[in-house]
Amino acid sequence: MNSLRTDIETQSQDRISSTTPLAESTRDVLDVLVNSIAKTAARETTPEPQLRAPAVPAEPSRELLTEKMLADRWVCSVARLQRWRSVGEGPPYLKIVGKVLYRLKDIEAYEEASLVRKVL
């Protein structure tokens, strides 16, 4: 069976290698195509992956925070912040057009002053 396959392959190669003008021109065209594809592939460079910044920043930078924003930051209720304001505790705040706002720098200063350091 293997010898039969070898004979068929040999015969088909003999037919292809025969120097007919059509077979030779087909080989020439194929050689030209293969060479141009190889040249094009060699010239192409793969683009470097570009790092993209996230579309939405993780936490927007704000100078003023609302009661709700501060309550979320400190994981407490808005009622607690309201109670602190009524008794004069907590960070300084602004009241603009009836709305209570906290400046970020005041909140950070209050947090720093509230930092507990262990004494051994």
PDB file of N, CA and C in Angstrom:
ATOM      1  N   MET A   1       0.819  -1.179   0.000  1.00  0.00           N
ATOM      2  CA  MET A   1       0.000   0.000   0.000  1.00  0.00           C
ATOM      3  C   MET A   1       0.869   1.252   0.000  1.00  0.00           C
ATOM      4  N   ASN A   2       1.935   1.243   0.817  1.00  0.00           N
ATOM      5  CA  ASN A   2       2.836   2.395   0.850  1.00  0.00           C
ATOM      6  C   ASN A   2       3.535   2.595  -0.488  1.00  0.00           C
ATOM      7  N   SER A   3       3.891   1.493  -1.135  1.00  0.00           N
ATOM      8  CA  SER A   3       4.582   1.618  -2.423  1.00  0.00           C
ATOM      9  C   SER A   3       3.645   2.191  -3.477  1.00  0.00           C
ATOM     10  N   LEU A   4       2.352   1.856  -3.382  1.00  0.00           N
ATOM     11  CA  LEU A   4       1.382   2.400  -4.319  1.00  0.00           C
ATOM     12  C   LEU A   4       1.252   3.920  -4.124  1.00  0.00           C
ATOM     13  N   ARG A   5       1.206   4.334  -2.874  1.00  0.00           N
ATOM     14  CA  ARG A   5       1.112   5.767  -2.579  1.00  0.00           C
ATOM     15  C   ARG A   5       2.358   6.486  -3.090  1.00  0.00           C
ATOM     16  N   THR A   6       3.522   5.901  -2.890  1.00  0.00           N
ATOM     17  CA  THR A   6       4.765   6.503  -3.363  1.00  0.00           C
ATOM     18  C   THR A   6       4.764   6.622  -4.882  1.00  0.00           C
ATOM     19  N   ASP A   7       4.288   5.596  -5.555  1.00  0.00           N
ATOM     20  CA  ASP A   7       4.221   5.635  -7.029  1.00  0.00           C
ATOM     21  C   ASP A   7       3.298   6.753  -7.505  1.00  0.00           C
ATOM     22  N   ILE A   8       2.137   6.903  -6.857  1.00  0.00           N
ATOM     23  CA  ILE A   8       1.185   7.951  -7.260  1.00  0.00           C
ATOM     24  C   ILE A   8       1.791   9.325  -7.025  1.00  0.00           C
ATOM     25  N   GLU A   9       2.448   9.499  -5.883  1.00  0.00           N
ATOM     26  CA  GLU A   9       3.071  10.790  -5.588  1.00  0.00           C
ATOM     27  C   GLU A   9       4.166  11.108  -6.600  1.00  0.00           C
ATOM     28  N   THR A  10       4.944  10.104  -6.963  1.00  0.00           N
ATOM     29  CA  THR A  10       6.017  10.301  -7.941  1.00  0.00           C
ATOM     30  C   THR A  10       5.444  10.692  -9.286  1.00  0.00           C
ATOM     31  N   GLN A  11       4.377  10.028  -9.701  1.00  0.00           N
ATOM     32  CA  GLN A  11       3.757  10.345 -10.991  1.00  0.00           C
ATOM     33  C   GLN A  11       3.189  11.765 -10.995  1.00  0.00           C
ATOM     34  N   SER A  12       2.547  12.157  -9.891  1.00  0.00           N
ATOM     35  CA  SER A  12       1.978  13.506  -9.853  1.00  0.00           C
ATOM     36  C   SER A  12       3.084  14.556  -9.845  1.00  0.00           C
ATOM     37  N   GLN A  13       4.201  14.278  -9.186  1.00  0.00           N
ATOM     38  CA  GLN A  13       5.323  15.225  -9.205  1.00  0.00           C
ATOM     39  C   GLN A  13       5.921  15.327 -10.598  1.00  0.00           C
ATOM     40  N   ASP A  14       5.974  14.182 -11.301  1.00  0.00           N
ATOM     41  CA  ASP A  14       6.491  14.207 -12.672  1.00  0.00           C
ATOM     42  C   ASP A  14       5.609  15.065 -13.560  1.00  0.00           C
ATOM     43  N   ARG A  15       4.285  14.951 -13.380  1.00  0.00           N
ATOM     44  CA  ARG A  15       3.376  15.766 -14.191  1.00  0.00           C
ATOM     45  C   ARG A  15       3.547  17.243 -13.885  1.00  0.00           C
ATOM     46  N   ILE A  16       3.714  17.583 -12.602  1.00  0.00           N
ATOM     47  CA  ILE A  16       3.874  18.991 -12.211  1.00  0.00           C
ATOM     48  C   ILE A  16       5.197  19.530 -12.714  1.00  0.00           C
ATOM     49  N   SER A  17       6.250  18.710 -12.626  1.00  0.00           N
ATOM     50  CA  SER A  17       7.571  19.194 -13.015  1.00  0.00           C
ATOM     51  C   SER A  17       7.772  19.246 -14.525  1.00  0.00           C
ATOM     52  N   SER A  18       6.817  18.709 -15.272  1.00  0.00           N
ATOM     53  CA  SER A  18       6.961  18.796 -16.726  1.00  0.00           C
ATOM     54  C   SER A  18       6.934  20.262 -17.132  1.00  0.00           C
ATOM     55  N   THR A  19       7.720  20.605 -18.075  1.00  0.00           N
ATOM     56  CA  THR A  19       7.903  22.006 -18.435  1.00  0.00           C
ATOM     57  C   THR A  19       6.875  22.443 -19.472  1.00  0.00           C
ATOM     58  N   THR A  20       5.655  22.525 -19.045  1.00  0.00           N
ATOM     59  CA  THR A  20       4.642  23.101 -19.922  1.00  0.00           C
ATOM     60  C   THR A  20       4.571  24.579 -19.600  1.00  0.00           C
ATOM     61  N   PRO A  21       4.304  25.404 -20.562  1.00  0.00           N
ATOM     62  CA  PRO A  21       4.262  26.847 -20.304  1.00  0.00           C
ATOM     63  C   PRO A  21       3.245  27.225 -19.240  1.00  0.00           C
ATOM     64  N   LEU A  22       2.114  26.542 -19.195  1.00  0.00           N
ATOM     65  CA  LEU A  22       1.078  26.876 -18.220  1.00  0.00           C
ATOM     66  C   LEU A  22       1.541  26.555 -16.805  1.00  0.00           C
ATOM     67  N   ALA A  23       2.121  25.373 -16.593  1.00  0.00           N
ATOM     68  CA  ALA A  23       2.582  24.976 -15.268  1.00  0.00           C
ATOM     69  C   ALA A  23       3.701  25.893 -14.805  1.00  0.00           C
ATOM     70  N   GLU A  24       4.603  26.259 -15.688  1.00  0.00           N
ATOM     71  CA  GLU A  24       5.712  27.132 -15.325  1.00  0.00           C
ATOM     72  C   GLU A  24       5.216  28.525 -14.973  1.00  0.00           C
ATOM     73  N   SER A  25       4.285  29.064 -15.729  1.00  0.00           N
ATOM     74  CA  SER A  25       3.779  30.400 -15.429  1.00  0.00           C
ATOM     75  C   SER A  25       2.993  30.400 -14.120  1.00  0.00           C
ATOM     76  N   THR A  26       2.285  29.304 -13.839  1.00  0.00           N
ATOM     77  CA  THR A  26       1.563  29.201 -12.575  1.00  0.00           C
ATOM     78  C   THR A  26       2.537  29.187 -11.416  1.00  0.00           C
ATOM     79  N   ARG A  27       3.647  28.435 -11.564  1.00  0.00           N
ATOM     80  CA  ARG A  27       4.664  28.424 -10.512  1.00  0.00           C
ATOM     81  C   ARG A  27       5.288  29.800 -10.329  1.00  0.00           C
ATOM     82  N   ASP A  28       5.519  30.524 -11.418  1.00  0.00           N
ATOM     83  CA  ASP A  28       6.093  31.863 -11.330  1.00  0.00           C
ATOM     84  C   ASP A  28       5.153  32.805 -10.573  1.00  0.00           C
ATOM     85  N   VAL A  29       3.876  32.727 -10.892  1.00  0.00           N
ATOM     86  CA  VAL A  29       2.898  33.585 -10.211  1.00  0.00           C
ATOM     87  C   VAL A  29       2.840  33.237  -8.729  1.00  0.00           C
ATOM     88  N   LEU A  30       2.834  31.943  -8.438  1.00  0.00           N
ATOM     89  CA  LEU A  30       2.804  31.524  -7.036  1.00  0.00           C
ATOM     90  C   LEU A  30       4.061  31.976  -6.295  1.00  0.00           C
ATOM     91  N   ASP A  31       5.222  31.881  -6.937  1.00  0.00           N
ATOM     92  CA  ASP A  31       6.460  32.347  -6.309  1.00  0.00           C
ATOM     93  C   ASP A  31       6.395  33.836  -6.018  1.00  0.00           C
ATOM     94  N   VAL A  32       5.897  34.593  -6.961  1.00  0.00           N
ATOM     95  CA  VAL A  32       5.780  36.043  -6.762  1.00  0.00           C
ATOM     96  C   VAL A  32       4.842  36.340  -5.593  1.00  0.00           C
ATOM     97  N   LEU A  33       3.711  35.633  -5.545  1.00  0.00           N
ATOM     98  CA  LEU A  33       2.760  35.850  -4.449  1.00  0.00           C
ATOM     99  C   LEU A  33       3.359  35.487  -3.098  1.00  0.00           C
ATOM    100  N   VAL A  34       4.009  34.345  -3.045  1.00  0.00           N
ATOM    101  CA  VAL A  34       4.611  33.913  -1.783  1.00  0.00           C
ATOM    102  C   VAL A  34       5.669  34.910  -1.323  1.00  0.00           C
ATOM    103  N   ASN A  35       6.506  35.380  -2.250  1.00  0.00           N
ATOM    104  CA  ASN A  35       7.548  36.348  -1.894  1.00  0.00           C
ATOM    105  C   ASN A  35       6.948  37.661  -1.414  1.00  0.00           C
ATOM    106  N   SER A  36       5.894  38.141  -2.094  1.00  0.00           N
ATOM    107  CA  SER A  36       5.317  39.409  -1.656  1.00  0.00           C
ATOM    108  C   SER A  36       4.617  39.283  -0.318  1.00  0.00           C
ATOM    109  N   ILE A  37       3.994  38.140  -0.076  1.00  0.00           N
ATOM    110  CA  ILE A  37       3.361  37.933   1.235  1.00  0.00           C
ATOM    111  C   ILE A  37       4.425  37.907   2.323  1.00  0.00           C
ATOM    112  N   ALA A  38       5.534  37.245   2.045  1.00  0.00           N
ATOM    113  CA  ALA A  38       6.621  37.172   3.034  1.00  0.00           C
ATOM    114  C   ALA A  38       7.202  38.555   3.302  1.00  0.00           C
ATOM    115  N   LYS A  39       7.385  39.352   2.245  1.00  0.00           N
ATOM    116  CA  LYS A  39       7.926  40.705   2.439  1.00  0.00           C
ATOM    117  C   LYS A  39       6.963  41.574   3.236  1.00  0.00           C
ATOM    118  N   THR A  40       5.673  41.479   2.919  1.00  0.00           N
ATOM    119  CA  THR A  40       4.671  42.265   3.640  1.00  0.00           C
ATOM    120  C   THR A  40       4.635  41.865   5.106  1.00  0.00           C
ATOM    121  N   ALA A  41       4.680  40.578   5.372  1.00  0.00           N
ATOM    122  CA  ALA A  41       4.663  40.109   6.754  1.00  0.00           C
ATOM    123  C   ALA A  41       5.908  40.568   7.504  1.00  0.00           C
ATOM    124  N   ALA A  42       7.051  40.611   6.824  1.00  0.00           N
ATOM    125  CA  ALA A  42       8.290  41.051   7.476  1.00  0.00           C
ATOM    126  C   ALA A  42       8.236  42.546   7.793  1.00  0.00           C
ATOM    127  N   ARG A  43       7.581  43.330   6.924  1.00  0.00           N
ATOM    128  CA  ARG A  43       7.496  44.784   7.140  1.00  0.00           C
ATOM    129  C   ARG A  43       6.508  45.166   8.233  1.00  0.00           C
ATOM    130  N   GLU A  44       5.460  44.367   8.394  1.00  0.00           N
ATOM    131  CA  GLU A  44       4.431  44.707   9.366  1.00  0.00           C
ATOM    132  C   GLU A  44       4.985  44.573  10.777  1.00  0.00           C
ATOM    133  N   THR A  45       4.675  45.561  11.582  1.00  0.00           N
ATOM    134  CA  THR A  45       5.042  45.506  12.987  1.00  0.00           C
ATOM    135  C   THR A  45       3.763  45.415  13.799  1.00  0.00           C
ATOM    136  N   THR A  46       3.837  44.684  14.865  1.00  0.00           N
ATOM    137  CA  THR A  46       2.656  44.573  15.708  1.00  0.00           C
ATOM    138  C   THR A  46       2.575  45.816  16.585  1.00  0.00           C
ATOM    139  N   PRO A  47       1.412  46.421  16.665  1.00  0.00           N
ATOM    140  CA  PRO A  47       1.287  47.624  17.486  1.00  0.00           C
ATOM    141  C   PRO A  47       1.453  47.286  18.959  1.00  0.00           C
ATOM    142  N   GLU A  48       2.110  48.185  19.666  1.00  0.00           N
ATOM    143  CA  GLU A  48       2.312  47.983  21.093  1.00  0.00           C
ATOM    144  C   GLU A  48       1.000  48.241  21.809  1.00  0.00           C
ATOM    145  N   PRO A  49       0.660  47.423  22.788  1.00  0.00           N
ATOM    146  CA  PRO A  49      -0.591  47.663  23.506  1.00  0.00           C
ATOM    147  C   PRO A  49      -0.500  48.968  24.286  1.00  0.00           C
ATOM    148  N   GLN A  50      -1.544  49.761  24.190  1.00  0.00           N
ATOM    149  CA  GLN A  50      -1.560  51.046  24.885  1.00  0.00           C
ATOM    150  C   GLN A  50      -2.408  50.908  26.142  1.00  0.00           C
ATOM    151  N   LEU A  51      -1.878  51.445  27.213  1.00  0.00           N
ATOM    152  CA  LEU A  51      -2.607  51.406  28.467  1.00  0.00           C
ATOM    153  C   LEU A  51      -3.659  52.509  28.448  1.00  0.00           C
ATOM    154  N   ARG A  52      -4.843  52.158  28.819  1.00  0.00           N
ATOM    155  CA  ARG A  52      -5.923  53.137  28.840  1.00  0.00           C
ATOM    156  C   ARG A  52      -6.270  53.470  30.276  1.00  0.00           C
ATOM    157  N   ALA A  53      -6.479  54.734  30.507  1.00  0.00           N
ATOM    158  CA  ALA A  53      -6.915  55.169  31.825  1.00  0.00           C
ATOM    159  C   ALA A  53      -8.380  54.782  31.989  1.00  0.00           C
ATOM    160  N   PRO A  54      -8.797  54.488  33.196  1.00  0.00           N
ATOM    161  CA  PRO A  54     -10.201  54.151  33.384  1.00  0.00           C
ATOM    162  C   PRO A  54     -11.092  55.318  32.963  1.00  0.00           C
ATOM    163  N   ALA A  55     -12.239  54.996  32.394  1.00  0.00           N
ATOM    164  CA  ALA A  55     -13.155  56.023  31.902  1.00  0.00           C
ATOM    165  C   ALA A  55     -13.654  56.903  33.046  1.00  0.00           C
ATOM    166  N   VAL A  56     -13.892  56.294  34.210  1.00  0.00           N
ATOM    167  CA  VAL A  56     -14.362  57.050  35.364  1.00  0.00           C
ATOM    168  C   VAL A  56     -13.336  56.882  36.468  1.00  0.00           C
ATOM    169  N   PRO A  57     -12.841  57.981  37.033  1.00  0.00           N
ATOM    170  CA  PRO A  57     -11.877  57.837  38.118  1.00  0.00           C
ATOM    171  C   PRO A  57     -12.504  57.095  39.296  1.00  0.00           C
ATOM    172  N   ALA A  58     -11.655  56.414  40.049  1.00  0.00           N
ATOM    173  CA  ALA A  58     -12.144  55.610  41.161  1.00  0.00           C
ATOM    174  C   ALA A  58     -12.934  56.467  42.153  1.00  0.00           C
ATOM    175  N   GLU A  59     -12.398  57.604  42.529  1.00  0.00           N
ATOM    176  CA  GLU A  59     -13.101  58.504  43.438  1.00  0.00           C
ATOM    177  C   GLU A  59     -12.880  59.923  42.935  1.00  0.00           C
ATOM    178  N   PRO A  60     -13.936  60.622  42.570  1.00  0.00           N
ATOM    179  CA  PRO A  60     -13.740  61.973  42.052  1.00  0.00           C
ATOM    180  C   PRO A  60     -13.166  62.883  43.126  1.00  0.00           C
ATOM    181  N   SER A  61     -12.275  63.742  42.721  1.00  0.00           N
ATOM    182  CA  SER A  61     -11.654  64.670  43.645  1.00  0.00           C
ATOM    183  C   SER A  61     -12.588  65.866  43.825  1.00  0.00           C
ATOM    184  N   ARG A  62     -13.076  66.035  45.026  1.00  0.00           N
ATOM    185  CA  ARG A  62     -13.989  67.143  45.317  1.00  0.00           C
ATOM    186  C   ARG A  62     -13.458  67.914  46.500  1.00  0.00           C
ATOM    187  N   GLU A  63     -13.653  69.194  46.445  1.00  0.00           N
ATOM    188  CA  GLU A  63     -13.229  70.052  47.544  1.00  0.00           C
ATOM    189  C   GLU A  63     -14.316  70.174  48.602  1.00  0.00           C
ATOM    190  N   LEU A  64     -15.576  70.013  48.201  1.00  0.00           N
ATOM    191  CA  LEU A  64     -16.702  70.095  49.132  1.00  0.00           C
ATOM    192  C   LEU A  64     -17.464  68.781  49.131  1.00  0.00           C
ATOM    193  N   LEU A  65     -17.842  68.325  50.330  1.00  0.00           N
ATOM    194  CA  LEU A  65     -18.607  67.088  50.455  1.00  0.00           C
ATOM    195  C   LEU A  65     -19.944  67.396  51.112  1.00  0.00           C
ATOM    196  N   THR A  66     -20.972  66.699  50.685  1.00  0.00           N
ATOM    197  CA  THR A  66     -22.281  66.835  51.309  1.00  0.00           C
ATOM    198  C   THR A  66     -22.330  65.980  52.566  1.00  0.00           C
ATOM    199  N   GLU A  67     -23.437  66.114  53.320  1.00  0.00           N
ATOM    200  CA  GLU A  67     -23.620  65.270  54.516  1.00  0.00           C
ATOM    201  C   GLU A  67     -23.579  63.796  54.140  1.00  0.00           C
ATOM    202  N   LYS A  68     -24.258  63.463  53.079  1.00  0.00           N
ATOM    203  CA  LYS A  68     -24.337  62.059  52.638  1.00  0.00           C
ATOM    204  C   LYS A  68     -22.950  61.537  52.264  1.00  0.00           C
ATOM    205  N   MET A  69     -22.180  62.365  51.551  1.00  0.00           N
ATOM    206  CA  MET A  69     -20.841  61.944  51.139  1.00  0.00           C
ATOM    207  C   MET A  69     -19.943  61.720  52.349  1.00  0.00           C
ATOM    208  N   LEU A  70     -20.038  62.604  53.344  1.00  0.00           N
ATOM    209  CA  LEU A  70     -19.224  62.445  54.549  1.00  0.00           C
ATOM    210  C   LEU A  70     -19.690  61.239  55.356  1.00  0.00           C
ATOM    211  N   ALA A  71     -20.993  61.040  55.430  1.00  0.00           N
ATOM    212  CA  ALA A  71     -21.518  59.873  56.146  1.00  0.00           C
ATOM    213  C   ALA A  71     -21.028  58.581  55.485  1.00  0.00           C
ATOM    214  N   ASP A  72     -21.001  58.548  54.174  1.00  0.00           N
ATOM    215  CA  ASP A  72     -20.469  57.373  53.466  1.00  0.00           C
ATOM    216  C   ASP A  72     -18.984  57.198  53.734  1.00  0.00           C
ATOM    217  N   ARG A  73     -18.256  58.287  53.743  1.00  0.00           N
ATOM    218  CA  ARG A  73     -16.806  58.224  53.975  1.00  0.00           C
ATOM    219  C   ARG A  73     -16.504  57.677  55.367  1.00  0.00           C
ATOM    220  N   TRP A  74     -17.265  58.126  56.353  1.00  0.00           N
ATOM    221  CA  TRP A  74     -17.009  57.718  57.724  1.00  0.00           C
ATOM    222  C   TRP A  74     -17.857  56.520  58.152  1.00  0.00           C
ATOM    223  N   VAL A  75     -18.661  55.993  57.276  1.00  0.00           N
ATOM    224  CA  VAL A  75     -19.536  54.857  57.554  1.00  0.00           C
ATOM    225  C   VAL A  75     -20.357  55.128  58.821  1.00  0.00           C
ATOM    226  N   CYS A  76     -21.073  56.222  58.770  1.00  0.00           N
ATOM    227  CA  CYS A  76     -21.971  56.584  59.858  1.00  0.00           C
ATOM    228  C   CYS A  76     -23.252  57.151  59.242  1.00  0.00           C
ATOM    229  N   SER A  77     -24.207  57.509  60.082  1.00  0.00           N
ATOM    230  CA  SER A  77     -25.470  58.021  59.563  1.00  0.00           C
ATOM    231  C   SER A  77     -25.413  59.543  59.424  1.00  0.00           C
ATOM    232  N   VAL A  78     -26.275  60.054  58.568  1.00  0.00           N
ATOM    233  CA  VAL A  78     -26.404  61.505  58.397  1.00  0.00           C
ATOM    234  C   VAL A  78     -26.929  62.112  59.693  1.00  0.00           C
ATOM    235  N   ALA A  79     -27.799  61.372  60.398  1.00  0.00           N
ATOM    236  CA  ALA A  79     -28.356  61.858  61.666  1.00  0.00           C
ATOM    237  C   ALA A  79     -27.246  62.109  62.690  1.00  0.00           C
ATOM    238  N   ARG A  80     -26.233  61.267  62.710  1.00  0.00           N
ATOM    239  CA  ARG A  80     -25.115  61.467  63.642  1.00  0.00           C
ATOM    240  C   ARG A  80     -24.404  62.778  63.338  1.00  0.00           C
ATOM    241  N   LEU A  81     -24.145  63.057  62.048  1.00  0.00           N
ATOM    242  CA  LEU A  81     -23.489  64.325  61.687  1.00  0.00           C
ATOM    243  C   LEU A  81     -24.370  65.507  62.076  1.00  0.00           C
ATOM    244  N   GLN A  82     -25.690  65.387  61.883  1.00  0.00           N
ATOM    245  CA  GLN A  82     -26.608  66.460  62.260  1.00  0.00           C
ATOM    246  C   GLN A  82     -26.590  66.682  63.774  1.00  0.00           C
ATOM    247  N   ARG A  83     -26.559  65.605  64.545  1.00  0.00           N
ATOM    248  CA  ARG A  83     -26.515  65.709  66.004  1.00  0.00           C
ATOM    249  C   ARG A  83     -25.220  66.376  66.445  1.00  0.00           C
ATOM    250  N   TRP A  84     -24.079  65.992  65.831  1.00  0.00           N
ATOM    251  CA  TRP A  84     -22.800  66.609  66.175  1.00  0.00           C
ATOM    252  C   TRP A  84     -22.841  68.110  65.908  1.00  0.00           C
ATOM    253  N   ARG A  85     -23.438  68.509  64.801  1.00  0.00           N
ATOM    254  CA  ARG A  85     -23.506  69.944  64.488  1.00  0.00           C
ATOM    255  C   ARG A  85     -24.350  70.677  65.532  1.00  0.00           C
ATOM    256  N   SER A  86     -25.426  70.047  65.978  1.00  0.00           N
ATOM    257  CA  SER A  86     -26.311  70.724  66.936  1.00  0.00           C
ATOM    258  C   SER A  86     -25.652  70.914  68.303  1.00  0.00           C
ATOM    259  N   VAL A  87     -24.705  70.058  68.665  1.00  0.00           N
ATOM    260  CA  VAL A  87     -24.020  70.187  69.963  1.00  0.00           C
ATOM    261  C   VAL A  87     -22.623  70.778  69.823  1.00  0.00           C
ATOM    262  N   GLY A  88     -22.234  71.126  68.593  1.00  0.00           N
ATOM    263  CA  GLY A  88     -20.939  71.781  68.382  1.00  0.00           C
ATOM    264  C   GLY A  88     -19.767  70.820  68.267  1.00  0.00           C
ATOM    265  N   GLU A  89     -20.010  69.570  67.953  1.00  0.00           N
ATOM    266  CA  GLU A  89     -18.935  68.598  67.769  1.00  0.00           C
ATOM    267  C   GLU A  89     -18.708  68.377  66.276  1.00  0.00           C
ATOM    268  N   GLY A  90     -17.662  67.580  65.975  1.00  0.00           N
ATOM    269  CA  GLY A  90     -17.395  67.228  64.587  1.00  0.00           C
ATOM    270  C   GLY A  90     -16.588  68.297  63.866  1.00  0.00           C
ATOM    271  N   PRO A  91     -16.353  68.094  62.590  1.00  0.00           N
ATOM    272  CA  PRO A  91     -15.529  69.033  61.811  1.00  0.00           C
ATOM    273  C   PRO A  91     -16.310  70.313  61.491  1.00  0.00           C
ATOM    274  N   PRO A  92     -15.587  71.385  61.195  1.00  0.00           N
ATOM    275  CA  PRO A  92     -16.260  72.623  60.771  1.00  0.00           C
ATOM    276  C   PRO A  92     -17.045  72.387  59.478  1.00  0.00           C
ATOM    277  N   TYR A  93     -18.083  73.157  59.270  1.00  0.00           N
ATOM    278  CA  TYR A  93     -18.912  72.980  58.071  1.00  0.00           C
ATOM    279  C   TYR A  93     -19.341  74.346  57.538  1.00  0.00           C
ATOM    280  N   LEU A  94     -19.799  74.328  56.309  1.00  0.00           N
ATOM    281  CA  LEU A  94     -20.339  75.522  55.657  1.00  0.00           C
ATOM    282  C   LEU A  94     -21.835  75.332  55.502  1.00  0.00           C
ATOM    283  N   LYS A  95     -22.561  76.440  55.565  1.00  0.00           N
ATOM    284  CA  LYS A  95     -23.986  76.356  55.268  1.00  0.00           C
ATOM    285  C   LYS A  95     -24.242  77.380  54.176  1.00  0.00           C
ATOM    286  N   ILE A  96     -24.447  76.873  52.959  1.00  0.00           N
ATOM    287  CA  ILE A  96     -24.624  77.730  51.794  1.00  0.00           C
ATOM    288  C   ILE A  96     -26.008  77.449  51.223  1.00  0.00           C
ATOM    289  N   VAL A  97     -26.829  78.490  51.174  1.00  0.00           N
ATOM    290  CA  VAL A  97     -28.192  78.406  50.657  1.00  0.00           C
ATOM    291  C   VAL A  97     -28.939  77.240  51.319  1.00  0.00           C
ATOM    292  N   GLY A  98     -28.782  77.111  52.615  1.00  0.00           N
ATOM    293  CA  GLY A  98     -29.482  76.080  53.365  1.00  0.00           C
ATOM    294  C   GLY A  98     -28.896  74.689  53.235  1.00  0.00           C
ATOM    295  N   LYS A  99     -27.821  74.543  52.497  1.00  0.00           N
ATOM    296  CA  LYS A  99     -27.210  73.223  52.298  1.00  0.00           C
ATOM    297  C   LYS A  99     -25.937  73.146  53.129  1.00  0.00           C
ATOM    298  N   VAL A 100     -25.771  72.046  53.845  1.00  0.00           N
ATOM    299  CA  VAL A 100     -24.586  71.840  54.686  1.00  0.00           C
ATOM    300  C   VAL A 100     -23.508  71.176  53.837  1.00  0.00           C
ATOM    301  N   LEU A 101     -22.329  71.792  53.832  1.00  0.00           N
ATOM    302  CA  LEU A 101     -21.190  71.271  53.075  1.00  0.00           C
ATOM    303  C   LEU A 101     -19.958  71.242  53.970  1.00  0.00           C
ATOM    304  N   TYR A 102     -19.124  70.253  53.740  1.00  0.00           N
ATOM    305  CA  TYR A 102     -17.876  70.113  54.482  1.00  0.00           C
ATOM    306  C   TYR A 102     -16.715  70.276  53.515  1.00  0.00           C
ATOM    307  N   ARG A 103     -15.728  71.069  53.920  1.00  0.00           N
ATOM    308  CA  ARG A 103     -14.528  71.210  53.078  1.00  0.00           C
ATOM    309  C   ARG A 103     -13.633  70.005  53.310  1.00  0.00           C
ATOM    310  N   LEU A 104     -13.067  69.515  52.241  1.00  0.00           N
ATOM    311  CA  LEU A 104     -12.225  68.325  52.314  1.00  0.00           C
ATOM    312  C   LEU A 104     -11.031  68.550  53.227  1.00  0.00           C
ATOM    313  N   LYS A 105     -10.427  69.720  53.152  1.00  0.00           N
ATOM    314  CA  LYS A 105      -9.246  69.977  53.994  1.00  0.00           C
ATOM    315  C   LYS A 105      -9.626  69.987  55.473  1.00  0.00           C
ATOM    316  N   ASP A 106     -10.847  70.458  55.816  1.00  0.00           N
ATOM    317  CA  ASP A 106     -11.297  70.424  57.213  1.00  0.00           C
ATOM    318  C   ASP A 106     -11.545  68.997  57.674  1.00  0.00           C
ATOM    319  N   ILE A 107     -12.098  68.189  56.800  1.00  0.00           N
ATOM    320  CA  ILE A 107     -12.364  66.786  57.146  1.00  0.00           C
ATOM    321  C   ILE A 107     -11.054  66.046  57.377  1.00  0.00           C
ATOM    322  N   GLU A 108     -10.079  66.270  56.483  1.00  0.00           N
ATOM    323  CA  GLU A 108      -8.779  65.594  56.636  1.00  0.00           C
ATOM    324  C   GLU A 108      -8.071  66.062  57.899  1.00  0.00           C
ATOM    325  N   ALA A 109      -8.177  67.344  58.237  1.00  0.00           N
ATOM    326  CA  ALA A 109      -7.566  67.855  59.471  1.00  0.00           C
ATOM    327  C   ALA A 109      -8.253  67.239  60.693  1.00  0.00           C
ATOM    328  N   TYR A 110      -9.581  67.118  60.662  1.00  0.00           N
ATOM    329  CA  TYR A 110     -10.320  66.509  61.764  1.00  0.00           C
ATOM    330  C   TYR A 110      -9.931  65.043  61.923  1.00  0.00           C
ATOM    331  N   GLU A 111      -9.793  64.341  60.808  1.00  0.00           N
ATOM    332  CA  GLU A 111      -9.382  62.937  60.864  1.00  0.00           C
ATOM    333  C   GLU A 111      -7.979  62.803  61.453  1.00  0.00           C
ATOM    334  N   GLU A 112      -7.085  63.691  61.056  1.00  0.00           N
ATOM    335  CA  GLU A 112      -5.710  63.650  61.581  1.00  0.00           C
ATOM    336  C   GLU A 112      -5.695  63.927  63.079  1.00  0.00           C
ATOM    337  N   ALA A 113      -6.511  64.898  63.526  1.00  0.00           N
ATOM    338  CA  ALA A 113      -6.566  65.231  64.954  1.00  0.00           C
ATOM    339  C   ALA A 113      -7.214  64.101  65.756  1.00  0.00           C
ATOM    340  N   SER A 114      -8.069  63.310  65.130  1.00  0.00           N
ATOM    341  CA  SER A 114      -8.763  62.221  65.812  1.00  0.00           C
ATOM    342  C   SER A 114      -7.957  60.923  65.814  1.00  0.00           C
ATOM    343  N   LEU A 115      -6.809  60.934  65.185  1.00  0.00           N
ATOM    344  CA  LEU A 115      -5.981  59.732  65.085  1.00  0.00           C
ATOM    345  C   LEU A 115      -5.483  59.335  66.470  1.00  0.00           C
ATOM    346  N   VAL A 116      -5.718  58.085  66.855  1.00  0.00           N
ATOM    347  CA  VAL A 116      -5.302  57.575  68.143  1.00  0.00           C
ATOM    348  C   VAL A 116      -3.992  56.832  67.976  1.00  0.00           C
ATOM    349  N   ARG A 117      -3.020  57.241  68.761  1.00  0.00           N
ATOM    350  CA  ARG A 117      -1.713  56.581  68.730  1.00  0.00           C
ATOM    351  C   ARG A 117      -1.540  55.800  70.038  1.00  0.00           C
ATOM    352  N   LYS A 118      -1.086  54.579  69.919  1.00  0.00           N
ATOM    353  CA  LYS A 118      -0.890  53.756  71.103  1.00  0.00           C
ATOM    354  C   LYS A 118       0.334  54.232  71.868  1.00  0.00           C
ATOM    355  N   VAL A 119       0.201  54.252  73.149  1.00  0.00           N
ATOM    356  CA  VAL A 119       1.329  54.594  74.026  1.00  0.00           C
ATOM    357  C   VAL A 119       1.646  53.345  74.849  1.00  0.00           C
ATOM    358  N   LEU A 120       2.881  52.887  74.769  1.00  0.00           N
ATOM    359  CA  LEU A 120       3.246  51.667  75.505  1.00  0.00           C
ATOM    360  C   LEU A 120       3.838  51.982  76.832  1.00  0.00           C
TER     361      LEU A 120
END
